[in-house]
Amino acid sequence: MSSDQAALVVLVATGSRSEAAQIARTTVERKLAACVQLYPIFSCYEWEGQVVEAEEYLLLLKTRHAAYADLEACVRELHSYDVPEIIALPVVAGATDYLNWLHDVLNTRQQA
């Protein structure tokens, strides 16, 4: 599989469930992600010299390398944070049928 076809899991944290749901739905509708899962999380981080504790929502977006730049741009367009967490992790292994499904769903983006 070429590097453009390689699967990625992208992590994005948001401050509200509604914002997370909007990002999830938009990225799936635009075929930038084949699947997105949302989790309520507790975050602790430094921001502007202060330690912040916050309830946030974590999105796990399943995509492929070729769609990453457009996915990141879409997340930035919809995200309310000045510096949104957008971290891509390579998928080094996975169920073949799931990875084939991911490829098939995202491949329709190129044909549209």
Protein backbone atom coordinates (compact mmCIF):
# COMPACT_ATOMS: atom_id res chain seq x y z
CA MET A 1 0.00 0.00 0.00
CA SER A 2 1.39 3.41 -0.95
CA SER A 3 2.05 5.97 1.75
CA ASP A 4 -0.89 8.10 0.48
CA GLN A 5 -3.19 5.13 1.07
CA ALA A 6 -1.79 4.41 4.55
CA ALA A 7 -4.38 4.62 7.30
CA LEU A 8 -4.17 7.24 10.05
CA VAL A 9 -5.98 7.84 13.32
CA VAL A 10 -6.25 11.57 14.02
CA LEU A 11 -6.86 12.83 17.56
CA VAL A 12 -8.69 16.13 18.07
CA ALA A 13 -9.87 17.57 21.41
CA THR A 14 -12.74 20.08 21.57
CA GLY A 15 -14.36 22.10 24.33
CA SER A 16 -17.95 21.00 23.67
CA ARG A 17 -19.90 17.99 22.49
CA SER A 18 -21.72 20.07 19.87
CA GLU A 19 -18.45 21.28 18.35
CA ALA A 20 -17.08 17.73 18.35
CA ALA A 21 -20.26 16.42 16.70
CA GLN A 22 -20.10 19.13 14.03
CA ILE A 23 -16.48 18.26 13.23
CA ALA A 24 -17.32 14.54 13.17
CA ARG A 25 -20.31 14.92 10.87
CA THR A 26 -18.61 17.39 8.51
CA THR A 27 -15.45 15.31 8.08
CA VAL A 28 -17.51 12.18 7.35
CA GLU A 29 -19.83 14.03 4.95
CA ARG A 30 -16.83 15.46 3.09
CA LYS A 31 -15.23 11.99 3.02
CA LEU A 32 -12.20 13.25 4.90
CA ALA A 33 -12.80 10.58 7.56
CA ALA A 34 -14.51 7.22 7.16
CA CYS A 35 -15.46 7.02 10.82
CA VAL A 36 -15.25 9.31 13.85
CA GLN A 37 -15.71 8.37 17.49
CA LEU A 38 -16.36 10.86 20.30
CA TYR A 39 -15.34 10.43 23.94
CA PRO A 40 -15.83 12.73 26.95
CA ILE A 41 -12.41 13.29 28.57
CA PHE A 42 -10.70 15.19 31.37
CA SER A 43 -7.73 17.27 30.21
CA CYS A 44 -4.97 18.96 32.16
CA TYR A 45 -2.60 21.25 30.24
CA GLU A 46 -0.67 24.50 30.41
CA TRP A 47 -2.13 27.47 28.53
CA GLU A 48 -0.79 31.01 28.70
CA GLY A 49 1.24 30.26 31.82
CA GLN A 50 -1.63 28.67 33.75
CA VAL A 51 -2.42 25.03 34.45
CA VAL A 52 -5.90 24.37 33.10
CA GLU A 53 -8.19 21.47 33.95
CA ALA A 54 -11.11 21.03 31.58
CA GLU A 55 -13.84 18.68 30.49
CA GLU A 56 -13.35 18.15 26.77
CA TYR A 57 -14.36 15.79 24.00
CA LEU A 58 -11.84 13.67 22.13
CA LEU A 59 -12.48 12.72 18.52
CA LEU A 60 -10.76 9.74 16.92
CA LEU A 61 -10.96 10.27 13.18
CA LYS A 62 -10.09 7.36 10.88
CA THR A 63 -8.62 8.53 7.59
CA ARG A 64 -5.69 7.99 5.27
CA HIS A 65 -2.56 9.97 4.61
CA ALA A 66 -3.78 11.38 1.28
CA ALA A 67 -6.76 13.09 2.99
CA TYR A 68 -4.85 14.42 6.00
CA ALA A 69 -4.11 17.97 4.78
CA ASP A 70 -7.75 18.55 3.81
CA LEU A 71 -8.95 16.99 7.07
CA GLU A 72 -6.67 19.27 9.11
CA ALA A 73 -7.91 22.32 7.18
CA CYS A 74 -11.52 21.30 7.81
CA VAL A 75 -10.90 20.82 11.55
CA ARG A 76 -9.20 24.22 11.77
CA GLU A 77 -12.13 25.82 9.92
CA LEU A 78 -14.66 24.40 12.43
CA HIS A 79 -12.62 24.44 15.67
CA SER A 80 -12.95 27.22 18.24
CA TYR A 81 -9.51 26.84 19.86
CA ASP A 82 -6.63 29.15 18.89
CA VAL A 83 -4.31 26.13 18.86
CA PRO A 84 -6.39 23.00 18.33
CA GLU A 85 -4.93 19.61 19.13
CA ILE A 86 -4.66 17.79 15.81
CA ILE A 87 -2.34 14.79 16.03
CA ALA A 88 -2.09 12.05 13.39
CA LEU A 89 -0.91 8.57 14.31
CA PRO A 90 -0.04 5.94 11.70
CA VAL A 91 -1.95 2.67 11.75
CA VAL A 92 0.75 0.00 11.74
CA ALA A 93 -1.64 -2.96 11.68
CA GLY A 94 -5.36 -3.62 11.61
CA ALA A 95 -8.07 -6.01 10.51
CA THR A 96 -7.79 -6.35 6.75
CA ASP A 97 -11.54 -6.12 6.17
CA TYR A 98 -11.77 -2.92 8.24
CA LEU A 99 -8.82 -1.30 6.47
CA ASN A 100 -10.33 -2.29 3.09
CA TRP A 101 -13.64 -0.69 4.14
CA LEU A 102 -11.81 2.49 5.21
CA HIS A 103 -10.05 2.61 1.85
CA ASP A 104 -13.29 2.00 -0.08
CA VAL A 105 -15.21 4.74 1.77
CA LEU A 106 -12.48 7.31 1.33
CA ASN A 107 -11.76 6.25 -2.24
CA THR A 108 -15.21 7.52 -3.28
CA ARG A 109 -13.93 11.01 -2.35
CA GLN A 110 -11.52 10.91 -5.29
CA GLN A 111 -14.28 9.81 -7.65
CA ALA A 112 -16.76 12.50 -6.58
